[in-house]
Protein backbone atom coordinates (compact mmCIF):
# COMPACT_ATOMS: atom_id res chain seq x y z
CA UNK A 1 94.01 79.87 178.32
CA UNK A 2 92.49 81.89 181.35
CA UNK A 3 95.05 80.08 183.69
CA UNK A 4 98.02 81.03 181.51
CA UNK A 5 96.93 84.63 181.43
CA UNK A 6 96.45 84.73 185.21
CA UNK A 7 100.05 83.50 185.63
CA UNK A 8 101.34 85.97 182.88
CA UNK A 9 99.59 88.76 185.26
CA UNK A 10 101.15 87.66 188.35
CA UNK A 11 104.88 87.01 187.34
CA UNK A 12 105.40 89.67 185.01
CA UNK A 13 106.58 92.93 186.06
CA UNK A 14 105.43 94.83 182.86
CA UNK A 15 102.11 93.14 182.86
CA UNK A 16 100.19 96.12 184.25
CA UNK A 17 101.20 98.71 181.66
CA UNK A 18 100.95 96.19 178.82
CA UNK A 19 97.36 95.35 179.94
CA UNK A 20 96.41 99.04 180.37
CA UNK A 21 97.44 99.63 176.73
CA UNK A 22 95.73 96.47 175.46
CA UNK A 23 92.51 97.33 177.25
CA UNK A 24 92.43 100.88 175.91
CA UNK A 25 92.85 99.41 172.42
CA UNK A 26 90.11 96.97 172.99
CA UNK A 27 87.50 99.80 173.99
CA UNK A 28 88.48 102.10 171.06
CA UNK A 29 88.19 99.07 168.92
CA UNK A 30 84.67 97.99 169.95
CA UNK A 31 83.30 101.41 169.77
CA UNK A 32 84.73 102.01 166.16
CA UNK A 33 83.27 98.65 165.24
CA UNK A 34 79.92 99.55 166.44
CA UNK A 35 79.74 102.92 164.84
CA UNK A 36 80.43 101.70 161.42
CA UNK A 37 77.69 99.07 161.22
CA UNK A 38 76.15 99.87 157.74
CA UNK A 39 72.57 100.66 157.80
CA UNK A 40 70.05 97.78 157.91
CA UNK A 41 72.72 95.29 159.23
CA UNK A 42 73.33 94.01 162.50
CA UNK A 43 75.95 91.83 164.49
CA UNK A 44 75.34 88.10 164.87
CA UNK A 45 74.36 87.22 168.35
CA UNK A 46 76.56 85.61 170.78
CA UNK A 47 77.29 84.71 174.22
CA UNK A 48 77.77 87.73 176.57
CA UNK A 49 81.28 88.13 177.72
CA UNK A 50 83.05 89.92 180.48
CA UNK A 51 84.51 93.44 180.55
CA UNK A 52 87.58 93.74 178.42
CA UNK A 53 88.40 90.23 177.82
CA UNK A 54 84.93 89.33 176.09
CA UNK A 55 84.36 85.59 175.80
CA UNK A 56 88.11 84.60 176.31
CA UNK A 57 87.64 83.29 179.81
CA UNK A 58 84.60 81.19 178.58
CA UNK A 59 86.46 79.34 176.00
CA UNK A 60 87.22 75.85 177.39
CA UNK A 61 91.10 74.97 177.10
CA UNK A 62 90.27 71.39 175.96
CA UNK A 63 87.90 70.62 173.01
CA UNK A 64 86.46 74.00 172.63
CA UNK A 65 84.73 72.84 169.53
CA UNK A 66 82.30 71.06 171.75
CA UNK A 67 81.41 74.38 173.49
CA UNK A 68 80.99 75.84 170.10
CA UNK A 69 78.42 73.54 169.08
CA UNK A 70 76.51 74.28 172.17
CA UNK A 71 76.63 77.88 171.28
CA UNK A 72 75.50 77.36 167.94
CA UNK A 73 72.44 75.43 169.20
CA UNK A 74 71.54 78.31 171.45
CA UNK A 75 72.66 81.42 169.03
CA UNK A 76 72.17 79.94 165.71
CA UNK A 77 74.35 78.88 162.74
CA UNK A 78 76.27 82.22 162.86
CA UNK A 79 77.44 83.47 166.27
CA UNK A 80 80.07 86.06 167.37
CA UNK A 81 82.80 85.86 169.74
CA UNK A 82 84.99 88.73 171.07
CA UNK A 83 88.24 87.37 172.16
CA UNK A 84 89.86 90.26 174.13
CA UNK A 85 88.85 92.73 171.20
CA UNK A 86 89.47 90.21 168.45
CA UNK A 87 86.28 89.60 166.31
CA UNK A 88 85.40 85.98 165.60
CA UNK A 89 82.56 84.40 163.95
CA UNK A 90 81.67 80.70 164.23
CA UNK A 91 79.66 79.01 161.58
CA UNK A 92 78.04 75.79 161.92
CA UNK A 93 76.30 74.66 158.65
CA UNK A 94 77.62 73.35 155.35
CA UNK A 95 75.64 76.04 153.50
CA UNK A 96 76.87 78.91 155.14
CA UNK A 97 80.64 77.60 155.15
CA UNK A 98 80.49 77.08 151.38
CA UNK A 99 78.41 80.29 150.66
CA UNK A 100 81.18 82.38 152.37
CA UNK A 101 84.42 80.44 152.03
CA UNK A 102 83.73 79.08 148.37
CA UNK A 103 81.25 81.26 147.02
CA UNK A 104 82.94 84.33 148.27
CA UNK A 105 86.56 82.92 148.54
CA UNK A 106 88.20 86.07 146.75
CA UNK A 107 87.85 87.75 150.12
CA UNK A 108 87.14 84.88 152.56
CA UNK A 109 90.80 83.28 151.93
CA UNK A 110 93.17 84.98 154.14
CA UNK A 111 94.75 83.99 157.56
CA UNK A 112 95.44 85.90 160.53
CA UNK A 113 99.33 86.58 160.86
CA UNK A 114 99.45 84.74 164.53
CA UNK A 115 102.85 86.13 166.06
CA UNK A 116 103.77 82.64 167.39
CA UNK A 117 102.94 80.17 164.38
CA UNK A 118 103.27 82.39 161.43
CA UNK A 119 105.93 85.00 162.29
CA UNK A 120 108.15 83.69 164.89
CA UNK A 121 108.02 79.58 164.24
CA UNK A 122 107.51 80.10 160.19
CA UNK A 123 109.09 83.50 159.29
CA UNK A 124 105.97 83.91 157.05
CA UNK A 125 106.88 81.00 154.90
CA UNK A 126 104.75 77.96 155.93
CA UNK A 127 101.57 77.97 153.47
CA UNK A 128 99.19 77.04 155.99
CA UNK A 129 99.48 80.43 158.13
CA UNK A 130 100.12 82.54 154.82
CA UNK A 131 97.84 85.35 154.02
CA UNK A 132 96.00 85.37 150.78
CA UNK A 133 98.62 86.90 148.34
CA UNK A 134 101.47 86.47 145.99
CA UNK A 135 103.71 84.16 147.88
CA UNK A 136 100.46 82.04 148.88
CA UNK A 137 99.53 81.62 145.24
CA UNK A 138 103.09 80.39 144.17
CA UNK A 139 103.50 77.99 146.95
CA UNK A 140 99.95 76.67 146.12
CA UNK A 141 100.66 76.32 142.48
CA UNK A 142 103.83 74.00 143.41
CA UNK A 143 101.71 72.24 145.88
CA UNK A 144 99.11 71.64 142.93
CA UNK A 145 101.74 70.19 140.80
CA UNK A 146 102.78 67.34 143.25
CA UNK A 147 99.23 66.75 144.25
CA UNK A 148 96.87 66.99 141.57
CA UNK A 149 94.94 63.95 140.48
CA UNK A 150 97.20 62.73 137.78
CA UNK A 151 100.26 63.23 140.03
CA UNK A 152 98.44 61.18 143.09
CA UNK A 153 97.61 58.49 140.79
CA UNK A 154 101.36 57.93 140.03
CA UNK A 155 101.85 57.45 143.85
CA UNK A 156 99.80 54.51 143.93
CA UNK A 157 102.57 51.66 143.88
CA UNK A 158 104.24 53.35 146.75
CA UNK A 159 100.91 53.19 148.71
CA UNK A 160 100.61 49.55 148.19
CA UNK A 161 104.19 48.81 149.29
CA UNK A 162 103.58 51.08 152.51
CA UNK A 163 100.19 49.47 153.29
CA UNK A 164 101.48 45.91 152.91
CA UNK A 165 104.24 46.80 155.27
CA UNK A 166 101.48 48.53 157.50
CA UNK A 167 99.35 45.14 157.74
CA UNK A 168 102.30 43.10 158.40
CA UNK A 169 103.35 44.98 161.35
CA UNK A 170 99.58 45.58 162.89
CA UNK A 171 99.38 41.59 162.35
CA UNK A 172 102.58 40.99 164.39
CA UNK A 173 102.29 43.70 167.04
CA UNK A 174 98.84 45.42 166.77
CA UNK A 175 99.18 47.06 170.21
CA UNK A 176 101.80 49.43 168.64
CA UNK A 177 99.21 50.42 165.98
CA UNK A 178 100.01 54.19 166.60
CA UNK A 179 103.57 53.63 165.52
CA UNK A 180 102.54 51.48 162.47
CA UNK A 181 100.11 54.21 161.34
CA UNK A 182 102.37 56.97 161.89
CA UNK A 183 105.10 55.08 159.81
CA UNK A 184 102.51 54.11 156.95
CA UNK A 185 101.55 57.83 156.65
CA UNK A 186 104.99 59.49 157.14
CA UNK A 187 106.78 56.76 155.26
CA UNK A 188 104.76 57.47 152.12
CA UNK A 189 105.22 61.27 152.06
CA UNK A 190 108.78 60.88 153.00
CA UNK A 191 109.65 58.94 149.96
CA UNK A 192 107.55 61.08 147.65
CA UNK A 193 108.96 64.23 148.99
CA UNK A 194 112.66 63.35 149.73
CA UNK A 195 113.13 60.00 147.45
CA UNK A 196 114.06 57.67 150.58
CA UNK A 197 112.63 54.73 151.89
CA UNK A 198 112.74 54.82 155.79
CA UNK A 199 112.21 52.55 158.67
CA UNK A 200 110.53 53.53 162.08
CA UNK A 201 113.77 54.03 163.87
CA UNK A 202 115.13 56.41 161.06
CA UNK A 203 116.77 59.45 162.60
CA UNK A 204 115.52 61.65 159.85
CA UNK A 205 111.91 60.64 160.53
CA UNK A 206 112.37 61.47 164.17
CA UNK A 207 113.64 64.78 163.38
CA UNK A 208 110.98 65.79 161.01
CA UNK A 209 108.16 64.16 163.08
CA UNK A 210 109.36 66.31 166.02
CA UNK A 211 108.75 69.34 163.77
CA UNK A 212 105.38 68.16 162.94
CA UNK A 213 104.53 67.83 166.57
CA UNK A 214 105.88 71.31 167.33
CA UNK A 215 103.61 72.95 164.58
CA UNK A 216 100.64 71.13 166.03
CA UNK A 217 101.56 72.24 169.55
CA UNK A 218 102.12 75.89 168.67
CA UNK A 219 99.03 76.22 166.10
CA UNK A 220 96.79 74.91 168.82
CA UNK A 221 94.63 77.84 170.19
CA UNK A 222 95.82 79.50 173.43
CA UNK A 223 99.25 78.33 173.49
CA UNK A 224 100.95 81.82 173.46
CA UNK A 225 99.59 84.97 174.97
CA UNK A 226 101.17 86.89 172.18
CA UNK A 227 98.60 85.74 169.80
CA UNK A 228 95.82 87.01 171.91
CA UNK A 229 97.71 90.15 172.68
CA UNK A 230 99.95 91.00 169.84
CA UNK A 231 101.33 94.10 171.64
CA UNK A 232 103.59 91.53 173.47
CA UNK A 233 105.49 91.33 170.15
CA UNK A 234 106.91 95.03 170.95
CA UNK A 235 108.88 93.84 173.87
CA UNK A 236 112.54 93.60 173.57
CA UNK A 237 113.98 90.11 173.21
CA UNK A 238 115.36 89.95 176.64
CA UNK A 239 111.94 90.50 178.12
CA UNK A 240 110.26 87.89 175.74
CA UNK A 241 111.41 84.40 176.26
CA UNK A 242 108.49 83.23 173.82
CA UNK A 243 110.63 85.12 171.13
CA UNK A 244 113.90 83.28 171.89
CA UNK A 245 112.09 79.82 172.04
CA UNK A 246 110.05 80.03 168.84
CA UNK A 247 112.99 81.58 166.84
CA UNK A 248 115.25 78.61 167.81
CA UNK A 249 112.41 76.27 166.91
CA UNK A 250 112.26 78.02 163.52
CA UNK A 251 116.14 77.51 163.16
CA UNK A 252 115.88 73.88 163.88
CA UNK A 253 113.03 73.45 161.56
CA UNK A 254 114.84 75.61 158.70
CA UNK A 255 118.17 73.81 159.00
CA UNK A 256 116.46 70.66 158.61
CA UNK A 257 114.49 71.73 155.49
CA UNK A 258 117.69 72.96 154.11
CA UNK A 259 119.57 69.96 154.87
CA UNK A 260 117.15 67.85 152.99
CA UNK A 261 117.33 69.92 150.09
CA UNK A 262 121.01 70.36 149.88
CA UNK A 263 121.40 66.67 149.81
CA UNK A 264 118.93 66.33 146.97
CA UNK A 265 121.06 68.99 145.31
CA UNK A 266 124.22 67.28 145.72
CA UNK A 267 122.87 63.89 144.66
CA UNK A 268 121.68 65.45 141.60
CA UNK A 269 125.32 66.90 140.63
CA UNK A 270 126.44 63.18 140.99
CA UNK A 271 123.56 61.72 138.90
CA UNK A 272 122.25 59.81 142.10
CA UNK A 273 119.30 61.78 142.75
CA UNK A 274 116.10 59.68 143.27
CA UNK A 275 112.82 60.93 141.48
CA UNK A 276 111.03 62.98 144.25
CA UNK A 277 109.41 66.29 145.00
CA UNK A 278 112.78 67.76 145.97
CA UNK A 279 114.50 66.89 142.62
CA UNK A 280 111.60 68.19 140.65
CA UNK A 281 111.83 71.49 142.56
CA UNK A 282 115.51 71.75 141.93
CA UNK A 283 115.14 71.26 138.23
CA UNK A 284 112.27 73.63 137.88
CA UNK A 285 113.06 76.23 140.21
CA UNK A 286 112.33 79.07 137.41
CA UNK A 287 108.96 77.75 136.70
CA UNK A 288 108.04 77.69 140.46
CA UNK A 289 109.64 81.03 141.27
CA UNK A 290 110.32 80.34 144.71
CA UNK A 291 113.42 80.85 146.86
CA UNK A 292 115.39 77.56 147.91
CA UNK A 293 113.98 78.29 151.62
CA UNK A 294 110.20 78.94 150.44
CA UNK A 295 110.41 75.58 148.16
CA UNK A 296 111.74 73.77 151.05
CA UNK A 297 108.76 74.96 153.15
CA UNK A 298 106.25 73.88 150.62
CA UNK A 299 107.81 70.64 150.48
CA UNK A 300 107.95 70.43 154.20
CA UNK A 301 104.25 71.71 154.32
CA UNK A 302 103.18 68.92 152.25
CA UNK A 303 104.89 66.28 154.40
CA UNK A 304 103.42 67.93 157.77
CA UNK A 305 99.93 67.76 156.09
CA UNK A 306 100.01 64.21 154.97
CA UNK A 307 101.53 62.45 157.74
CA UNK A 308 99.79 63.38 161.10
CA UNK A 309 96.36 64.12 159.50
CA UNK A 310 96.30 60.41 157.77
CA UNK A 311 97.38 58.61 160.64
CA UNK A 312 94.68 60.39 162.73
CA UNK A 313 92.18 59.52 160.22
CA UNK A 314 93.22 55.82 160.36
CA UNK A 315 92.86 55.67 164.26
CA UNK A 316 89.42 56.99 163.88
CA UNK A 317 88.50 54.31 161.48
CA UNK A 318 90.09 51.76 164.01
CA UNK A 319 87.98 53.24 167.00
CA UNK A 320 84.65 53.25 164.71
CA UNK A 321 85.17 49.55 163.99
CA UNK A 322 85.93 48.66 167.81
CA UNK A 323 82.78 50.37 168.78
CA UNK A 324 80.58 49.35 165.80
CA UNK A 325 81.70 45.79 164.80
CA UNK A 326 78.51 45.58 162.51
CA UNK A 327 80.21 47.67 160.09
CA UNK A 328 83.34 45.57 160.29
CA UNK A 329 81.36 42.64 159.23
CA UNK A 330 79.70 44.55 156.26
CA UNK A 331 83.29 45.63 155.30
CA UNK A 332 84.51 42.04 155.37
CA UNK A 333 81.52 40.68 153.47
CA UNK A 334 82.17 43.55 150.66
CA UNK A 335 85.88 42.88 150.25
CA UNK A 336 85.56 39.22 150.27
CA UNK A 337 82.93 39.25 147.56
CA UNK A 338 84.58 41.90 145.45
CA UNK A 339 88.53 40.74 146.03
CA UNK A 340 88.10 37.10 146.83
CA UNK A 341 90.55 34.93 148.85
CA UNK A 342 93.83 34.67 146.74
CA UNK A 343 95.05 38.39 146.63
CA UNK A 344 94.66 41.79 148.43
CA UNK A 345 92.73 44.59 147.43
CA UNK A 346 94.18 47.06 144.60
CA UNK A 347 93.17 50.44 143.61
CA UNK A 348 91.10 49.07 140.69
CA UNK A 349 89.00 47.50 143.19
CA UNK A 350 87.87 50.64 144.94
CA UNK A 351 85.00 51.57 142.58
CA UNK A 352 83.30 48.16 143.59
CA UNK A 353 83.80 49.11 147.20
CA UNK A 354 81.60 51.80 148.20
CA UNK A 355 80.98 50.51 151.85
CA UNK A 356 84.88 50.98 152.20
CA UNK A 357 84.60 54.57 151.04
CA UNK A 358 81.62 55.41 153.01
CA UNK A 359 83.35 54.02 156.32
CA UNK A 360 86.34 56.24 155.63
CA UNK A 361 83.99 59.56 154.92
CA UNK A 362 81.81 58.68 157.84
CA UNK A 363 84.96 58.42 160.13
CA UNK A 364 85.97 61.71 159.12
CA UNK A 365 82.37 63.03 159.69
CA UNK A 366 81.97 61.40 163.06
CA UNK A 367 85.32 62.39 164.38
CA UNK A 368 86.76 65.16 162.52
CA UNK A 369 90.47 65.62 162.38
CA UNK A 370 90.56 69.44 162.72
CA UNK A 371 87.68 69.71 164.76
CA UNK A 372 87.59 73.37 165.56
CA UNK A 373 88.08 74.25 161.76
CA UNK A 374 91.02 76.34 160.60
CA UNK A 375 89.84 79.92 160.64
CA UNK A 376 89.76 82.22 157.33
CA UNK A 377 90.40 85.85 157.62
CA UNK A 378 88.01 88.37 156.00
CA UNK A 379 89.88 90.86 153.63
CA UNK A 380 86.89 93.18 153.24
CA UNK A 381 83.55 94.19 154.88
CA UNK A 382 80.74 91.94 153.88
CA UNK A 383 77.04 91.14 154.50
CA UNK A 384 75.41 87.96 154.61
CA UNK A 385 71.77 87.28 155.55
CA UNK A 386 71.73 90.61 157.08
CA UNK A 387 74.70 90.21 159.27
CA UNK A 388 77.86 92.62 159.01
CA UNK A 389 81.05 90.83 158.61
CA UNK A 390 83.76 93.53 159.29
CA UNK A 391 86.96 93.21 157.56
CA UNK A 392 89.66 91.60 159.77
CA UNK A 393 87.08 89.15 161.24
CA UNK A 394 88.28 85.47 161.84
CA UNK A 395 85.53 83.04 160.27
CA UNK A 396 85.86 79.71 162.01
CA UNK A 397 84.08 76.76 160.08
CA UNK A 398 83.60 74.63 162.96
CA UNK A 399 83.61 71.02 161.73
CA UNK A 400 82.30 69.35 164.95
CA UNK A 401 79.04 71.46 164.57
CA UNK A 402 79.10 71.41 160.77
CA UNK A 403 79.13 67.45 160.92
CA UNK A 404 76.28 67.40 163.35
CA UNK A 405 73.85 69.56 161.59
CA UNK A 406 70.90 67.19 162.05
CA UNK A 407 69.21 68.51 158.83
CA UNK A 408 71.74 67.18 156.82
CA UNK A 409 73.07 64.04 159.15
CA UNK A 410 70.11 62.82 161.07
CA UNK A 411 71.21 61.21 164.55
CA UNK A 412 74.58 62.70 164.28
CA UNK A 413 76.46 61.28 167.05
CA UNK A 414 76.01 57.66 165.56
CA UNK A 415 78.69 56.50 163.29
CA UNK A 416 76.34 55.19 160.30
CA UNK A 417 78.14 54.87 156.92
CA UNK A 418 74.50 54.24 155.57
CA UNK A 419 74.17 58.09 155.42
CA UNK A 420 76.36 57.98 152.33
CA UNK A 421 75.02 54.83 150.80
CA UNK A 422 71.01 54.69 151.29
CA UNK A 423 68.61 56.87 149.12
CA UNK A 424 66.84 57.26 152.48
CA UNK A 425 69.48 59.75 153.63
CA UNK A 426 69.91 63.33 152.44
CA UNK A 427 73.62 62.87 151.73
CA UNK A 428 73.16 59.97 149.45
CA UNK A 429 74.41 60.38 145.93
CA UNK A 430 74.71 58.03 142.96
CA UNK A 431 76.25 56.13 141.20
CA UNK A 432 77.97 54.12 143.95
CA UNK A 433 80.84 53.35 141.79
CA UNK A 434 81.95 57.10 142.11
CA UNK A 435 80.15 58.13 145.33
CA UNK A 436 80.91 58.47 148.18
CA UNK A 437 84.12 60.10 147.65
CA UNK A 438 86.10 62.78 149.74
CA UNK A 439 85.97 65.42 146.96
CA UNK A 440 84.70 68.67 148.14
CA UNK A 441 84.26 67.25 151.74
CA UNK A 442 84.48 69.92 154.47
CA UNK A 443 87.03 67.56 156.40
CA UNK A 444 89.62 68.87 154.11
CA UNK A 445 88.61 72.60 154.48
CA UNK A 446 86.60 74.99 152.30
CA UNK A 447 87.27 76.93 149.26
CA UNK A 448 90.70 78.09 148.30
CA UNK A 449 92.10 76.85 151.60
CA UNK A 450 91.23 73.25 150.94
CA UNK A 451 93.80 70.77 151.79
CA UNK A 452 96.21 70.31 148.85
CA UNK A 453 96.99 66.87 149.63
CA UNK A 454 93.42 65.58 149.44
CA UNK A 455 93.96 63.36 146.38
CA UNK A 456 96.86 61.58 148.01
CA UNK A 457 95.13 61.36 151.60
CA UNK A 458 92.09 59.96 149.92
CA UNK A 459 93.73 57.00 148.06
CA UNK A 460 95.95 56.25 151.28
CA UNK A 461 92.72 56.13 153.42
CA UNK A 462 90.71 54.17 151.03
CA UNK A 463 93.43 51.33 150.33
CA UNK A 464 94.39 51.21 153.99
CA UNK A 465 90.67 50.53 154.94
CA UNK A 466 90.00 47.91 152.11
CA UNK A 467 93.21 46.14 153.07
CA UNK A 468 92.55 46.17 156.74
CA UNK A 469 88.96 44.86 156.50
CA UNK A 470 90.15 42.06 153.78
CA UNK A 471 93.20 40.81 155.92
CA UNK A 472 92.17 41.52 159.69
CA UNK A 473 89.56 41.22 162.15
CA UNK A 474 89.25 43.63 165.16
CA UNK A 475 87.45 43.05 168.49
CA UNK A 476 87.46 44.58 171.71
CA UNK A 477 90.08 43.36 174.05
CA UNK A 478 89.07 41.35 177.03
CA UNK A 479 90.73 41.65 180.46
CA UNK A 480 92.06 39.01 182.69
CA UNK A 481 88.57 38.44 183.92
CA UNK A 482 87.15 37.61 180.32
CA UNK A 483 85.18 40.93 180.48
CA UNK A 484 85.61 43.26 177.48
CA UNK A 485 87.75 46.40 178.14
CA UNK A 486 85.70 49.49 177.77
CA UNK A 487 86.85 52.19 175.13
CA UNK A 488 86.30 55.60 175.50
CA UNK A 489 84.17 57.14 172.96
CA UNK A 490 85.75 60.54 172.97
CA UNK A 491 89.21 60.33 174.88
CA UNK A 492 91.15 62.70 172.14
CA UNK A 493 94.52 64.76 172.68
CA UNK A 494 94.07 68.45 172.66
CA UNK A 495 96.33 69.44 169.69
CA UNK A 496 95.67 71.11 166.44
CA UNK A 497 95.07 68.02 164.84
CA UNK A 498 92.73 65.46 166.66
CA UNK A 499 93.33 61.85 167.34
CA UNK A 500 92.13 59.25 169.79
CA UNK A 501 94.47 58.56 172.46
CA UNK A 502 95.51 54.78 172.64
CA UNK A 503 92.86 52.35 173.20
CA UNK A 504 93.04 48.62 173.42
CA UNK A 505 91.67 46.32 170.90
CA UNK A 506 92.55 42.67 169.60
CA UNK A 507 93.41 42.27 166.01
CA UNK A 508 93.94 38.74 164.19
CA UNK A 509 94.67 37.88 160.70
CA UNK A 510 91.53 36.41 158.99
CA UNK A 511 91.41 32.90 157.58
CA UNK A 512 95.06 32.55 157.20
CA UNK A 513 95.35 35.71 155.11
CA UNK A 514 98.63 36.53 156.85
CA UNK A 515 100.32 34.26 154.39
CA UNK A 516 99.24 36.48 151.35
CA UNK A 517 100.02 39.67 153.37
CA UNK A 518 103.55 38.31 153.95
CA UNK A 519 103.99 37.52 150.26
CA UNK A 520 102.85 40.72 149.31
CA UNK A 521 105.10 42.51 151.85
CA UNK A 522 108.00 40.24 150.52
CA UNK A 523 107.21 41.21 146.80
CA UNK A 524 106.78 44.93 147.27
CA UNK A 525 109.83 45.34 149.55
CA UNK A 526 112.09 42.80 147.34
CA UNK A 527 112.89 40.66 150.68
């Protein structure tokens, strides 16, 4: 982030007047905030910054959440950052996050309108970036219609079909696991959203995945200076190449989402439209009270949320099993005992597979998908535990820190699903036919901003893990010298959604179960 700023200052002739104006605004804002502290309150502690830019130069460009955890250890579970005049509070315990974001959700559920991702890329239509208001509520209602528990249960046949294809691909070409996991997650949501079964080389899949990766890149902190210095939005277009770039990217995604919607509308007119979310929207537009573009963005947002996050979570499961083979053995023993050897696991088995559910939940704790958390914007002044929270503050529920709270998660760096299975841990709940589960788990967000696709993602992760453990055995890959190839513990990408970079492992079908996988694949795909 600091390097980008330096390049901007060196290369842009208008940098000096813009910087002077920005610094004056920062000074005025800081003195105004200090002067309006209510009696008996104080601001949270935090690391000292530098003049004008505050803590901005101290934020690492990569994996900033690790630094946030260090600061929370030093300054406490609520600490304050000044990012070039922007007020940011980081919270690092489950209790505080729930007290504020869930318990006071009426005022803690908005989003800052970042010029890059919310305004220029999304034209204020993408729900992830919308403020807490009428359009957000309408979009949320539509998402709930498609992702509520009863609807999610109806998608299980599609999840079984996609998971049988995934296992077949993994057994045949395990080194391409990134491709197969992405196809599993994206293939499921594409057929639910658009009514089309896709292959890995499908042109529409490549196009929509490109949109997903673009959103993840632009939403990553520090990508565009305009998010730190919004005054840059006042530049005319010919002096603001970032505007031209982001508006063009918006046109690309809008044209794609419109095209998918218009295709469904055309097929509906000819009686050929498959049952999917788009068809439901077209048939119930009056009920949802959204424009075509707004509805298309809701469906697109569900796709975006359900594809990359699910595949990233499954990669974390694989990474955990490579590093902790004793848990793979426990999974194999549990699935063999419950399922037997003549068929693959099905959804009805899950209540008898608590270890499967614990491994999934622990992998999300151990390696959170949105490790820095998605910030909530405070709509009104508030006071919590004597700390003053000014209106307009960004509240960051840092998942990396929350999931490493030692009072709740002893020995937090260790992957240990027993913390969900054994009464000796504070996170244990029973009965084990119900718990552990992912409902209300902070990996999926907090309060009114909780991920609407939770019920679908939970089922996808459980059935993947159960079937993988039943059908396959994973081990560390050996090099030409016969020694195990070391797999990094934390070699992750730098995007908005965190996933491990490619790592090697060996995967083999267990006890001839590839024949059953092949049989189920042929049945599911009518081959």
